[in-house]
Each structure stands twice: as structure tokens, then as C-alpha cells.
Amino acid sequence: MSADTDWSAVADSVYRDFVEDERREKAQQHLEELQEEIERLNEVVAAVSDYADQLAYSGKWANASDEQIEQNRIALELRSILGEIE
């Protein structure tokens, strides 16, 4: 570098690069956490939906509790939302 290098500009540029790298790392970490949460929620939705499918298949919806029916509704809604996210 020459004697007339603007060290302030160099320092600013290095700092901006550092901050940008930190931001990217945090964003990547957050994305990974969200992907793990989506996987977990997909497993929950699948389990509840499987149970609801079993109830429907065996014809026991008439005997299902309100809570079980609501869980199925929520599972179907979550499945729809997660499908939109992916």
C-alpha cells in the first residue's frame, strides 16, 4: 500500500466485512434452527395425522373426543402451513 493510503477507509471496509460475516453466520444459524423446528413440527403433525387416520379408518370418529377431533384439525392446518413454508 502506498504512503497516502486512507487507513480509516481500510479499517471501515474491514469492519463492514466483519459485521456482514457475523450477520451471515447468525442468519445461517437461525435458518438451521428453523429447519430443525420444521422437521420437529412435521414429525408432530405426522404422528397426530396418523392417529387421526387410524380413527377415521376404524370408523371411530363418532366416539372420538372433541380434543381428538381438534387435534386432527390442528394437524391438518399445520401440515398445510408447513407445506407452504417448504
PDB file of N, CA and C in Angstrom:
ATOM      1  N   MET A   1       0.842  -1.173   0.000  1.00  0.00           N
ATOM      2  CA  MET A   1       0.000   0.000   0.000  1.00  0.00           C
ATOM      3  C   MET A   1       0.889   1.238   0.000  1.00  0.00           C
ATOM      4  N   SER A   2       0.412   2.236  -0.572  1.00  0.00           N
ATOM      5  CA  SER A   2       1.208   3.455  -0.699  1.00  0.00           C
ATOM      6  C   SER A   2       1.103   4.287   0.576  1.00  0.00           C
ATOM      7  N   ALA A   3       1.971   5.268   0.645  1.00  0.00           N
ATOM      8  CA  ALA A   3       2.032   6.124   1.830  1.00  0.00           C
ATOM      9  C   ALA A   3       0.769   6.952   2.000  1.00  0.00           C
ATOM     10  N   ASP A   4       0.057   7.191   0.937  1.00  0.00           N
ATOM     11  CA  ASP A   4      -1.148   8.019   1.040  1.00  0.00           C
ATOM     12  C   ASP A   4      -2.427   7.173   1.199  1.00  0.00           C
ATOM     13  N   THR A   5      -2.264   5.943   1.686  1.00  0.00           N
ATOM     14  CA  THR A   5      -3.419   5.066   1.918  1.00  0.00           C
ATOM     15  C   THR A   5      -4.304   5.652   3.008  1.00  0.00           C
ATOM     16  N   ASP A   6      -5.572   5.637   2.755  1.00  0.00           N
ATOM     17  CA  ASP A   6      -6.546   6.120   3.736  1.00  0.00           C
ATOM     18  C   ASP A   6      -6.872   4.962   4.678  1.00  0.00           C
ATOM     19  N   TRP A   7      -6.134   4.895   5.780  1.00  0.00           N
ATOM     20  CA  TRP A   7      -6.281   3.777   6.715  1.00  0.00           C
ATOM     21  C   TRP A   7      -7.662   3.763   7.368  1.00  0.00           C
ATOM     22  N   SER A   8      -8.260   4.900   7.483  1.00  0.00           N
ATOM     23  CA  SER A   8      -9.606   4.961   8.044  1.00  0.00           C
ATOM     24  C   SER A   8     -10.590   4.234   7.128  1.00  0.00           C
ATOM     25  N   ALA A   9     -10.457   4.440   5.842  1.00  0.00           N
ATOM     26  CA  ALA A   9     -11.331   3.771   4.871  1.00  0.00           C
ATOM     27  C   ALA A   9     -11.071   2.269   4.865  1.00  0.00           C
ATOM     28  N   VAL A  10      -9.796   1.888   4.979  1.00  0.00           N
ATOM     29  CA  VAL A  10      -9.449   0.464   5.026  1.00  0.00           C
ATOM     30  C   VAL A  10     -10.063  -0.175   6.268  1.00  0.00           C
ATOM     31  N   ALA A  11      -9.913   0.492   7.404  1.00  0.00           N
ATOM     32  CA  ALA A  11     -10.473  -0.030   8.655  1.00  0.00           C
ATOM     33  C   ALA A  11     -11.993  -0.132   8.568  1.00  0.00           C
ATOM     34  N   ASP A  12     -12.624   0.875   7.993  1.00  0.00           N
ATOM     35  CA  ASP A  12     -14.085   0.841   7.829  1.00  0.00           C
ATOM     36  C   ASP A  12     -14.510  -0.331   6.953  1.00  0.00           C
ATOM     37  N   SER A  13     -13.779  -0.560   5.887  1.00  0.00           N
ATOM     38  CA  SER A  13     -14.102  -1.656   4.976  1.00  0.00           C
ATOM     39  C   SER A  13     -13.946  -3.010   5.666  1.00  0.00           C
ATOM     40  N   VAL A  14     -12.859  -3.165   6.406  1.00  0.00           N
ATOM     41  CA  VAL A  14     -12.627  -4.417   7.136  1.00  0.00           C
ATOM     42  C   VAL A  14     -13.721  -4.626   8.174  1.00  0.00           C
ATOM     43  N   TYR A  15     -14.098  -3.577   8.868  1.00  0.00           N
ATOM     44  CA  TYR A  15     -15.153  -3.682   9.882  1.00  0.00           C
ATOM     45  C   TYR A  15     -16.489  -4.050   9.234  1.00  0.00           C
ATOM     46  N   ARG A  16     -16.808  -3.427   8.116  1.00  0.00           N
ATOM     47  CA  ARG A  16     -18.061  -3.749   7.412  1.00  0.00           C
ATOM     48  C   ARG A  16     -18.077  -5.216   6.987  1.00  0.00           C
ATOM     49  N   ASP A  17     -16.939  -5.694   6.479  1.00  0.00           N
ATOM     50  CA  ASP A  17     -16.848  -7.107   6.094  1.00  0.00           C
ATOM     51  C   ASP A  17     -17.053  -8.012   7.304  1.00  0.00           C
ATOM     52  N   PHE A  18     -16.443  -7.644   8.429  1.00  0.00           N
ATOM     53  CA  PHE A  18     -16.580  -8.424   9.658  1.00  0.00           C
ATOM     54  C   PHE A  18     -18.039  -8.468  10.108  1.00  0.00           C
ATOM     55  N   VAL A  19     -18.681  -7.311  10.127  1.00  0.00           N
ATOM     56  CA  VAL A  19     -20.084  -7.233  10.558  1.00  0.00           C
ATOM     57  C   VAL A  19     -20.969  -8.043   9.617  1.00  0.00           C
ATOM     58  N   GLU A  20     -20.718  -7.948   8.333  1.00  0.00           N
ATOM     59  CA  GLU A  20     -21.507  -8.697   7.344  1.00  0.00           C
ATOM     60  C   GLU A  20     -21.323 -10.206   7.531  1.00  0.00           C
ATOM     61  N   ASP A  21     -20.086 -10.634   7.786  1.00  0.00           N
ATOM     62  CA  ASP A  21     -19.836 -12.059   8.036  1.00  0.00           C
ATOM     63  C   ASP A  21     -20.571 -12.531   9.287  1.00  0.00           C
ATOM     64  N   GLU A  22     -20.544 -11.713  10.328  1.00  0.00           N
ATOM     65  CA  GLU A  22     -21.259 -12.052  11.564  1.00  0.00           C
ATOM     66  C   GLU A  22     -22.758 -12.161  11.301  1.00  0.00           C
ATOM     67  N   ARG A  23     -23.299 -11.229  10.532  1.00  0.00           N
ATOM     68  CA  ARG A  23     -24.720 -11.245  10.211  1.00  0.00           C
ATOM     69  C   ARG A  23     -25.075 -12.502   9.429  1.00  0.00           C
ATOM     70  N   ARG A  24     -24.240 -12.858   8.477  1.00  0.00           N
ATOM     71  CA  ARG A  24     -24.489 -14.070   7.676  1.00  0.00           C
ATOM     72  C   ARG A  24     -24.448 -15.324   8.548  1.00  0.00           C
ATOM     73  N   GLU A  25     -23.481 -15.388   9.455  1.00  0.00           N
ATOM     74  CA  GLU A  25     -23.380 -16.545  10.347  1.00  0.00           C
ATOM     75  C   GLU A  25     -24.620 -16.666  11.224  1.00  0.00           C
ATOM     76  N   LYS A  26     -25.080 -15.546  11.780  1.00  0.00           N
ATOM     77  CA  LYS A  26     -26.282 -15.568  12.617  1.00  0.00           C
ATOM     78  C   LYS A  26     -27.505 -15.964  11.802  1.00  0.00           C
ATOM     79  N   ALA A  27     -27.604 -15.445  10.594  1.00  0.00           N
ATOM     80  CA  ALA A  27     -28.738 -15.783   9.730  1.00  0.00           C
ATOM     81  C   ALA A  27     -28.711 -17.268   9.376  1.00  0.00           C
ATOM     82  N   GLN A  28     -27.522 -17.794   9.089  1.00  0.00           N
ATOM     83  CA  GLN A  28     -27.389 -19.216   8.763  1.00  0.00           C
ATOM     84  C   GLN A  28     -27.764 -20.073   9.971  1.00  0.00           C
ATOM     85  N   GLN A  29     -27.322 -19.671  11.151  1.00  0.00           N
ATOM     86  CA  GLN A  29     -27.656 -20.410  12.366  1.00  0.00           C
ATOM     87  C   GLN A  29     -29.166 -20.374  12.607  1.00  0.00           C
ATOM     88  N   HIS A  30     -29.766 -19.220  12.420  1.00  0.00           N
ATOM     89  CA  HIS A  30     -31.216 -19.087  12.611  1.00  0.00           C
ATOM     90  C   HIS A  30     -31.964 -19.955  11.597  1.00  0.00           C
ATOM     91  N   LEU A  31     -31.493 -19.971  10.371  1.00  0.00           N
ATOM     92  CA  LEU A  31     -32.107 -20.796   9.334  1.00  0.00           C
ATOM     93  C   LEU A  31     -32.025 -22.276   9.704  1.00  0.00           C
ATOM     94  N   GLU A  32     -30.876 -22.704  10.199  1.00  0.00           N
ATOM     95  CA  GLU A  32     -30.720 -24.101  10.611  1.00  0.00           C
ATOM     96  C   GLU A  32     -31.659 -24.436  11.766  1.00  0.00           C
ATOM     97  N   GLU A  33     -31.799 -23.514  12.720  1.00  0.00           N
ATOM     98  CA  GLU A  33     -32.715 -23.730  13.836  1.00  0.00           C
ATOM     99  C   GLU A  33     -34.155 -23.835  13.342  1.00  0.00           C
ATOM    100  N   LEU A  34     -34.531 -22.981  12.397  1.00  0.00           N
ATOM    101  CA  LEU A  34     -35.884 -23.036  11.838  1.00  0.00           C
ATOM    102  C   LEU A  34     -36.118 -24.343  11.089  1.00  0.00           C
ATOM    103  N   GLN A  35     -35.115 -24.810  10.361  1.00  0.00           N
ATOM    104  CA  GLN A  35     -35.256 -26.071   9.638  1.00  0.00           C
ATOM    105  C   GLN A  35     -35.428 -27.236  10.612  1.00  0.00           C
ATOM    106  N   GLU A  36     -34.694 -27.216  11.721  1.00  0.00           N
ATOM    107  CA  GLU A  36     -34.848 -28.253  12.743  1.00  0.00           C
ATOM    108  C   GLU A  36     -36.243 -28.200  13.351  1.00  0.00           C
ATOM    109  N   GLU A  37     -36.737 -27.001  13.599  1.00  0.00           N
ATOM    110  CA  GLU A  37     -38.076 -26.847  14.167  1.00  0.00           C
ATOM    111  C   GLU A  37     -39.137 -27.329  13.180  1.00  0.00           C
ATOM    112  N   ILE A  38     -38.945 -27.049  11.901  1.00  0.00           N
ATOM    113  CA  ILE A  38     -39.882 -27.533  10.883  1.00  0.00           C
ATOM    114  C   ILE A  38     -39.893 -29.056  10.862  1.00  0.00           C
ATOM    115  N   GLU A  39     -38.708 -29.664  10.940  1.00  0.00           N
ATOM    116  CA  GLU A  39     -38.636 -31.127  10.973  1.00  0.00           C
ATOM    117  C   GLU A  39     -39.372 -31.674  12.192  1.00  0.00           C
ATOM    118  N   ARG A  40     -39.168 -31.044  13.340  1.00  0.00           N
ATOM    119  CA  ARG A  40     -39.831 -31.491  14.562  1.00  0.00           C
ATOM    120  C   ARG A  40     -41.342 -31.354  14.423  1.00  0.00           C
ATOM    121  N   LEU A  41     -41.788 -30.214  13.915  1.00  0.00           N
ATOM    122  CA  LEU A  41     -43.225 -29.999  13.746  1.00  0.00           C
ATOM    123  C   LEU A  41     -43.818 -30.965  12.725  1.00  0.00           C
ATOM    124  N   ASN A  42     -43.061 -31.265  11.683  1.00  0.00           N
ATOM    125  CA  ASN A  42     -43.534 -32.247  10.707  1.00  0.00           C
ATOM    126  C   ASN A  42     -43.741 -33.610  11.358  1.00  0.00           C
ATOM    127  N   GLU A  43     -42.843 -33.976  12.274  1.00  0.00           N
ATOM    128  CA  GLU A  43     -42.986 -35.243  12.987  1.00  0.00           C
ATOM    129  C   GLU A  43     -44.225 -35.231  13.873  1.00  0.00           C
ATOM    130  N   VAL A  44     -44.460 -34.114  14.558  1.00  0.00           N
ATOM    131  CA  VAL A  44     -45.649 -33.994  15.405  1.00  0.00           C
ATOM    132  C   VAL A  44     -46.908 -34.078  14.553  1.00  0.00           C
ATOM    133  N   VAL A  45     -46.922 -33.342  13.467  1.00  0.00           N
ATOM    134  CA  VAL A  45     -48.084 -33.347  12.573  1.00  0.00           C
ATOM    135  C   VAL A  45     -48.316 -34.754  12.023  1.00  0.00           C
ATOM    136  N   ALA A  46     -47.253 -35.417  11.629  1.00  0.00           N
ATOM    137  CA  ALA A  46     -47.389 -36.768  11.080  1.00  0.00           C
ATOM    138  C   ALA A  46     -47.951 -37.723  12.124  1.00  0.00           C
ATOM    139  N   ALA A  47     -47.465 -37.616  13.363  1.00  0.00           N
ATOM    140  CA  ALA A  47     -47.953 -38.502  14.419  1.00  0.00           C
ATOM    141  C   ALA A  47     -49.432 -38.266  14.697  1.00  0.00           C
ATOM    142  N   VAL A  48     -49.821 -37.021  14.819  1.00  0.00           N
ATOM    143  CA  VAL A  48     -51.225 -36.704  15.090  1.00  0.00           C
ATOM    144  C   VAL A  48     -52.091 -37.091  13.895  1.00  0.00           C
ATOM    145  N   SER A  49     -51.610 -36.829  12.700  1.00  0.00           N
ATOM    146  CA  SER A  49     -52.372 -37.178  11.499  1.00  0.00           C
ATOM    147  C   SER A  49     -52.518 -38.689  11.354  1.00  0.00           C
ATOM    148  N   ASP A  50     -51.448 -39.415  11.672  1.00  0.00           N
ATOM    149  CA  ASP A  50     -51.532 -40.877  11.615  1.00  0.00           C
ATOM    150  C   ASP A  50     -52.592 -41.388  12.577  1.00  0.00           C
ATOM    151  N   TYR A  51     -52.601 -40.814  13.765  1.00  0.00           N
ATOM    152  CA  TYR A  51     -53.602 -41.216  14.748  1.00  0.00           C
ATOM    153  C   TYR A  51     -55.006 -40.882  14.242  1.00  0.00           C
ATOM    154  N   ALA A  52     -55.158 -39.712  13.662  1.00  0.00           N
ATOM    155  CA  ALA A  52     -56.458 -39.310  13.114  1.00  0.00           C
ATOM    156  C   ALA A  52     -56.864 -40.236  11.969  1.00  0.00           C
ATOM    157  N   ASP A  53     -55.893 -40.610  11.137  1.00  0.00           N
ATOM    158  CA  ASP A  53     -56.186 -41.544  10.046  1.00  0.00           C
ATOM    159  C   ASP A  53     -56.644 -42.893  10.592  1.00  0.00           C
ATOM    160  N   GLN A  54     -56.004 -43.330  11.669  1.00  0.00           N
ATOM    161  CA  GLN A  54     -56.401 -44.598  12.288  1.00  0.00           C
ATOM    162  C   GLN A  54     -57.824 -44.511  12.814  1.00  0.00           C
ATOM    163  N   LEU A  55     -58.140 -43.393  13.453  1.00  0.00           N
ATOM    164  CA  LEU A  55     -59.504 -43.220  13.957  1.00  0.00           C
ATOM    165  C   LEU A  55     -60.512 -43.212  12.817  1.00  0.00           C
ATOM    166  N   ALA A  56     -60.185 -42.491  11.770  1.00  0.00           N
ATOM    167  CA  ALA A  56     -61.100 -42.402  10.633  1.00  0.00           C
ATOM    168  C   ALA A  56     -61.268 -43.766   9.976  1.00  0.00           C
ATOM    169  N   TYR A  57     -60.165 -44.478   9.835  1.00  0.00           N
ATOM    170  CA  TYR A  57     -60.209 -45.788   9.182  1.00  0.00           C
ATOM    171  C   TYR A  57     -61.066 -46.767   9.976  1.00  0.00           C
ATOM    172  N   SER A  58     -60.928 -46.731  11.266  1.00  0.00           N
ATOM    173  CA  SER A  58     -61.672 -47.690  12.082  1.00  0.00           C
ATOM    174  C   SER A  58     -63.100 -47.230  12.352  1.00  0.00           C
ATOM    175  N   GLY A  59     -63.455 -46.075  11.822  1.00  0.00           N
ATOM    176  CA  GLY A  59     -64.832 -45.601  11.958  1.00  0.00           C
ATOM    177  C   GLY A  59     -65.184 -45.131  13.354  1.00  0.00           C
ATOM    178  N   LYS A  60     -64.204 -44.695  14.099  1.00  0.00           N
ATOM    179  CA  LYS A  60     -64.459 -44.299  15.487  1.00  0.00           C
ATOM    180  C   LYS A  60     -64.603 -42.792  15.661  1.00  0.00           C
ATOM    181  N   TRP A  61     -64.747 -42.045  14.561  1.00  0.00           N
ATOM    182  CA  TRP A  61     -64.873 -40.599  14.713  1.00  0.00           C
ATOM    183  C   TRP A  61     -66.084 -40.238  15.559  1.00  0.00           C
ATOM    184  N   ALA A  62     -67.119 -41.028  15.473  1.00  0.00           N
ATOM    185  CA  ALA A  62     -68.316 -40.729  16.267  1.00  0.00           C
ATOM    186  C   ALA A  62     -68.018 -40.812  17.754  1.00  0.00           C
ATOM    187  N   ASN A  63     -67.055 -41.649  18.117  1.00  0.00           N
ATOM    188  CA  ASN A  63     -66.703 -41.818  19.527  1.00  0.00           C
ATOM    189  C   ASN A  63     -65.472 -41.000  19.928  1.00  0.00           C
ATOM    190  N   ALA A  64     -64.887 -40.293  18.977  1.00  0.00           N
ATOM    191  CA  ALA A  64     -63.692 -39.504  19.279  1.00  0.00           C
ATOM    192  C   ALA A  64     -64.077 -38.301  20.136  1.00  0.00           C
ATOM    193  N   SER A  65     -63.169 -37.954  21.022  1.00  0.00           N
ATOM    194  CA  SER A  65     -63.428 -36.797  21.879  1.00  0.00           C
ATOM    195  C   SER A  65     -63.273 -35.512  21.078  1.00  0.00           C
ATOM    196  N   ASP A  66     -63.826 -34.447  21.614  1.00  0.00           N
ATOM    197  CA  ASP A  66     -63.669 -33.141  20.968  1.00  0.00           C
ATOM    198  C   ASP A  66     -62.194 -32.779  20.846  1.00  0.00           C
ATOM    199  N   GLU A  67     -61.414 -33.158  21.865  1.00  0.00           N
ATOM    200  CA  GLU A  67     -59.984 -32.858  21.848  1.00  0.00           C
ATOM    201  C   GLU A  67     -59.295 -33.594  20.695  1.00  0.00           C
ATOM    202  N   GLN A  68     -59.639 -34.842  20.478  1.00  0.00           N
ATOM    203  CA  GLN A  68     -59.044 -35.603  19.385  1.00  0.00           C
ATOM    204  C   GLN A  68     -59.428 -35.011  18.031  1.00  0.00           C
ATOM    205  N   ILE A  69     -60.654 -34.616  17.894  1.00  0.00           N
ATOM    206  CA  ILE A  69     -61.099 -34.000  16.644  1.00  0.00           C
ATOM    207  C   ILE A  69     -60.368 -32.678  16.419  1.00  0.00           C
ATOM    208  N   GLU A  70     -60.204 -31.898  17.491  1.00  0.00           N
ATOM    209  CA  GLU A  70     -59.495 -30.616  17.387  1.00  0.00           C
ATOM    210  C   GLU A  70     -58.025 -30.846  17.048  1.00  0.00           C
ATOM    211  N   GLN A  71     -57.410 -31.876  17.644  1.00  0.00           N
ATOM    212  CA  GLN A  71     -56.016 -32.191  17.325  1.00  0.00           C
ATOM    213  C   GLN A  71     -55.867 -32.529  15.848  1.00  0.00           C
ATOM    214  N   ASN A  72     -56.820 -33.252  15.315  1.00  0.00           N
ATOM    215  CA  ASN A  72     -56.767 -33.587  13.895  1.00  0.00           C
ATOM    216  C   ASN A  72     -56.888 -32.327  13.044  1.00  0.00           C
ATOM    217  N   ARG A  73     -57.794 -31.451  13.405  1.00  0.00           N
ATOM    218  CA  ARG A  73     -57.962 -30.209  12.656  1.00  0.00           C
ATOM    219  C   ARG A  73     -56.671 -29.399  12.684  1.00  0.00           C
ATOM    220  N   ILE A  74     -56.062 -29.308  13.863  1.00  0.00           N
ATOM    221  CA  ILE A  74     -54.804 -28.563  14.007  1.00  0.00           C
ATOM    222  C   ILE A  74     -53.709 -29.225  13.178  1.00  0.00           C
ATOM    223  N   ALA A  75     -53.649 -30.552  13.217  1.00  0.00           N
ATOM    224  CA  ALA A  75     -52.629 -31.271  12.447  1.00  0.00           C
ATOM    225  C   ALA A  75     -52.775 -30.993  10.960  1.00  0.00           C
ATOM    226  N   LEU A  76     -53.996 -31.023  10.472  1.00  0.00           N
ATOM    227  CA  LEU A  76     -54.217 -30.746   9.053  1.00  0.00           C
ATOM    228  C   LEU A  76     -53.834 -29.310   8.707  1.00  0.00           C
ATOM    229  N   GLU A  77     -54.140 -28.382   9.602  1.00  0.00           N
ATOM    230  CA  GLU A  77     -53.788 -26.981   9.370  1.00  0.00           C
ATOM    231  C   GLU A  77     -52.276 -26.793   9.388  1.00  0.00           C
ATOM    232  N   LEU A  78     -51.597 -27.424  10.359  1.00  0.00           N
ATOM    233  CA  LEU A  78     -50.135 -27.335  10.425  1.00  0.00           C
ATOM    234  C   LEU A  78     -49.503 -27.942   9.179  1.00  0.00           C
ATOM    235  N   ARG A  79     -50.035 -29.063   8.736  1.00  0.00           N
ATOM    236  CA  ARG A  79     -49.499 -29.705   7.533  1.00  0.00           C
ATOM    237  C   ARG A  79     -49.608 -28.752   6.347  1.00  0.00           C
ATOM    238  N   SER A  80     -50.714 -28.055   6.254  1.00  0.00           N
ATOM    239  CA  SER A  80     -50.917 -27.091   5.176  1.00  0.00           C
ATOM    240  C   SER A  80     -49.920 -25.941   5.283  1.00  0.00           C
ATOM    241  N   ILE A  81     -49.744 -25.414   6.490  1.00  0.00           N
ATOM    242  CA  ILE A  81     -48.818 -24.292   6.702  1.00  0.00           C
ATOM    243  C   ILE A  81     -47.389 -24.718   6.403  1.00  0.00           C
ATOM    244  N   LEU A  82     -46.985 -25.883   6.920  1.00  0.00           N
ATOM    245  CA  LEU A  82     -45.621 -26.351   6.700  1.00  0.00           C
ATOM    246  C   LEU A  82     -45.382 -26.640   5.220  1.00  0.00           C
ATOM    247  N   GLY A  83     -46.394 -27.087   4.527  1.00  0.00           N
ATOM    248  CA  GLY A  83     -46.264 -27.302   3.088  1.00  0.00           C
ATOM    249  C   GLY A  83     -46.008 -26.002   2.356  1.00  0.00           C
ATOM    250  N   GLU A  84     -46.626 -24.919   2.824  1.00  0.00           N
ATOM    251  CA  GLU A  84     -46.415 -23.612   2.212  1.00  0.00           C
ATOM    252  C   GLU A  84     -45.013 -23.099   2.491  1.00  0.00           C
ATOM    253  N   ILE A  85     -44.474 -23.380   3.683  1.00  0.00           N
ATOM    254  CA  ILE A  85     -43.137 -22.903   4.059  1.00  0.00           C
ATOM    255  C   ILE A  85     -42.071 -23.602   3.232  1.00  0.00           C
ATOM    256  N   GLU A  86     -42.219 -24.902   3.052  1.00  0.00           N
ATOM    257  CA  GLU A  86     -41.215 -25.666   2.314  1.00  0.00           C
ATOM    258  C   GLU A  86     -41.410 -25.403   0.868  1.00  0.00           C
TER     259      GLU A  86
END
